[in-house]
Amino acid sequence: MVVFCFLVDQTKQVRGSKPAAGTCSRCGGGASVADMKTATRFCYVPLYWKSSKAIICTFCGAVLKSYS
């Protein structure tokens, strides 16, 4: 069962972003709206993709809000 944990991973990739109004509550940096693509892979073979939007900090990279 421990070996199975190392064979499955999930990657998140920012496809595009636009500036948004507001600041980060953690560091005070600017915010942007980003199109995110999440891929779940098994043995480096992609099995599942999901696209979503998220508000992220441009300075520290924290995800402030996520929309499915």
C-alpha atoms as a PDB file:
ATOM      1  CA  MET A   1       0.000   0.000   0.000  1.00  0.00           C
ATOM      2  CA  VAL A   2       2.913   2.359   0.641  1.00  0.00           C
ATOM      3  CA  VAL A   3       4.261   1.824  -2.869  1.00  0.00           C
ATOM      4  CA  PHE A   4       0.895   2.834  -4.334  1.00  0.00           C
ATOM      5  CA  CYS A   5       1.205   6.315  -2.773  1.00  0.00           C
ATOM      6  CA  PHE A   6       4.345   7.023  -4.776  1.00  0.00           C
ATOM      7  CA  LEU A   7       2.818   5.930  -8.084  1.00  0.00           C
ATOM      8  CA  VAL A   8      -0.073   8.445  -8.017  1.00  0.00           C
ATOM      9  CA  ASP A   9       0.497  12.200  -8.113  1.00  0.00           C
ATOM     10  CA  GLN A  10      -1.427  15.366  -8.873  1.00  0.00           C
ATOM     11  CA  THR A  11      -0.046  18.409 -10.674  1.00  0.00           C
ATOM     12  CA  LYS A  12      -1.508  21.909 -10.840  1.00  0.00           C
ATOM     13  CA  GLN A  13      -0.630  24.205 -13.708  1.00  0.00           C
ATOM     14  CA  VAL A  14      -1.571  27.859 -14.270  1.00  0.00           C
ATOM     15  CA  ARG A  15      -2.734  28.262 -17.863  1.00  0.00           C
ATOM     16  CA  GLY A  16      -3.349  32.019 -17.832  1.00  0.00           C
ATOM     17  CA  SER A  17      -3.969  34.876 -15.430  1.00  0.00           C
ATOM     18  CA  LYS A  18      -5.407  38.378 -15.294  1.00  0.00           C
ATOM     19  CA  PRO A  19      -4.971  41.047 -12.603  1.00  0.00           C
ATOM     20  CA  ALA A  20      -7.779  41.300 -10.041  1.00  0.00           C
ATOM     21  CA  ALA A  21      -8.771  43.893  -7.476  1.00  0.00           C
ATOM     22  CA  GLY A  22      -7.744  43.178  -3.903  1.00  0.00           C
ATOM     23  CA  THR A  23      -4.747  42.161  -1.859  1.00  0.00           C
ATOM     24  CA  CYS A  24      -3.493  38.980  -0.235  1.00  0.00           C
ATOM     25  CA  SER A  25      -4.527  38.524   3.385  1.00  0.00           C
ATOM     26  CA  ARG A  26      -1.233  36.754   4.182  1.00  0.00           C
ATOM     27  CA  CYS A  27       1.469  38.984   2.693  1.00  0.00           C
ATOM     28  CA  GLY A  28      -0.327  42.073   1.335  1.00  0.00           C
ATOM     29  CA  GLY A  29       0.662  41.389  -2.293  1.00  0.00           C
ATOM     30  CA  GLY A  30      -1.596  41.835  -5.318  1.00  0.00           C
ATOM     31  CA  ALA A  31      -4.152  39.288  -6.456  1.00  0.00           C
ATOM     32  CA  SER A  32      -4.853  37.779  -9.867  1.00  0.00           C
ATOM     33  CA  VAL A  33      -7.490  35.494 -11.370  1.00  0.00           C
ATOM     34  CA  ALA A  34      -5.915  32.379 -12.861  1.00  0.00           C
ATOM     35  CA  ASP A  35      -7.176  29.500 -14.995  1.00  0.00           C
ATOM     36  CA  MET A  36      -5.883  26.324 -13.333  1.00  0.00           C
ATOM     37  CA  LYS A  37      -5.524  22.850 -14.839  1.00  0.00           C
ATOM     38  CA  THR A  38      -5.226  19.909 -12.439  1.00  0.00           C
ATOM     39  CA  ALA A  39      -4.041  16.539 -13.731  1.00  0.00           C
ATOM     40  CA  THR A  40      -4.055  13.267 -11.791  1.00  0.00           C
ATOM     41  CA  ARG A  41      -1.448  10.795 -13.018  1.00  0.00           C
ATOM     42  CA  PHE A  42      -0.787   7.115 -12.364  1.00  0.00           C
ATOM     43  CA  CYS A  43       2.750   5.989 -13.252  1.00  0.00           C
ATOM     44  CA  TYR A  44       3.211   9.287 -15.160  1.00  0.00           C
ATOM     45  CA  VAL A  45       0.164   8.541 -17.364  1.00  0.00           C
ATOM     46  CA  PRO A  46      -2.548  11.241 -17.088  1.00  0.00           C
ATOM     47  CA  LEU A  47      -5.897   9.747 -16.074  1.00  0.00           C
ATOM     48  CA  TYR A  48      -8.048  12.757 -15.149  1.00  0.00           C
ATOM     49  CA  TRP A  49      -8.055  16.498 -15.967  1.00  0.00           C
ATOM     50  CA  LYS A  50      -9.999  19.256 -14.284  1.00  0.00           C
ATOM     51  CA  SER A  51     -10.090  22.952 -15.159  1.00  0.00           C
ATOM     52  CA  SER A  52     -11.006  25.614 -12.620  1.00  0.00           C
ATOM     53  CA  LYS A  53     -10.514  29.271 -11.763  1.00  0.00           C
ATOM     54  CA  ALA A  54      -8.732  30.531  -8.672  1.00  0.00           C
ATOM     55  CA  ILE A  55      -7.711  33.835  -7.137  1.00  0.00           C
ATOM     56  CA  ILE A  56      -4.021  33.617  -6.298  1.00  0.00           C
ATOM     57  CA  CYS A  57      -1.475  35.986  -4.772  1.00  0.00           C
ATOM     58  CA  THR A  58       1.079  37.317  -7.268  1.00  0.00           C
ATOM     59  CA  PHE A  59       3.800  37.594  -4.602  1.00  0.00           C
ATOM     60  CA  CYS A  60       3.595  34.478  -2.392  1.00  0.00           C
ATOM     61  CA  GLY A  61       1.492  32.208  -4.682  1.00  0.00           C
ATOM     62  CA  ALA A  62      -1.136  31.351  -2.076  1.00  0.00           C
ATOM     63  CA  VAL A  63      -4.541  30.272  -3.379  1.00  0.00           C
ATOM     64  CA  LEU A  64      -6.982  32.747  -1.832  1.00  0.00           C
ATOM     65  CA  LYS A  65     -10.222  31.427  -3.388  1.00  0.00           C
ATOM     66  CA  SER A  66     -10.928  28.489  -5.692  1.00  0.00           C
ATOM     67  CA  TYR A  67     -13.875  28.104  -8.071  1.00  0.00           C
ATOM     68  CA  SER A  68     -14.737  24.754  -9.670  1.00  0.00           C
END
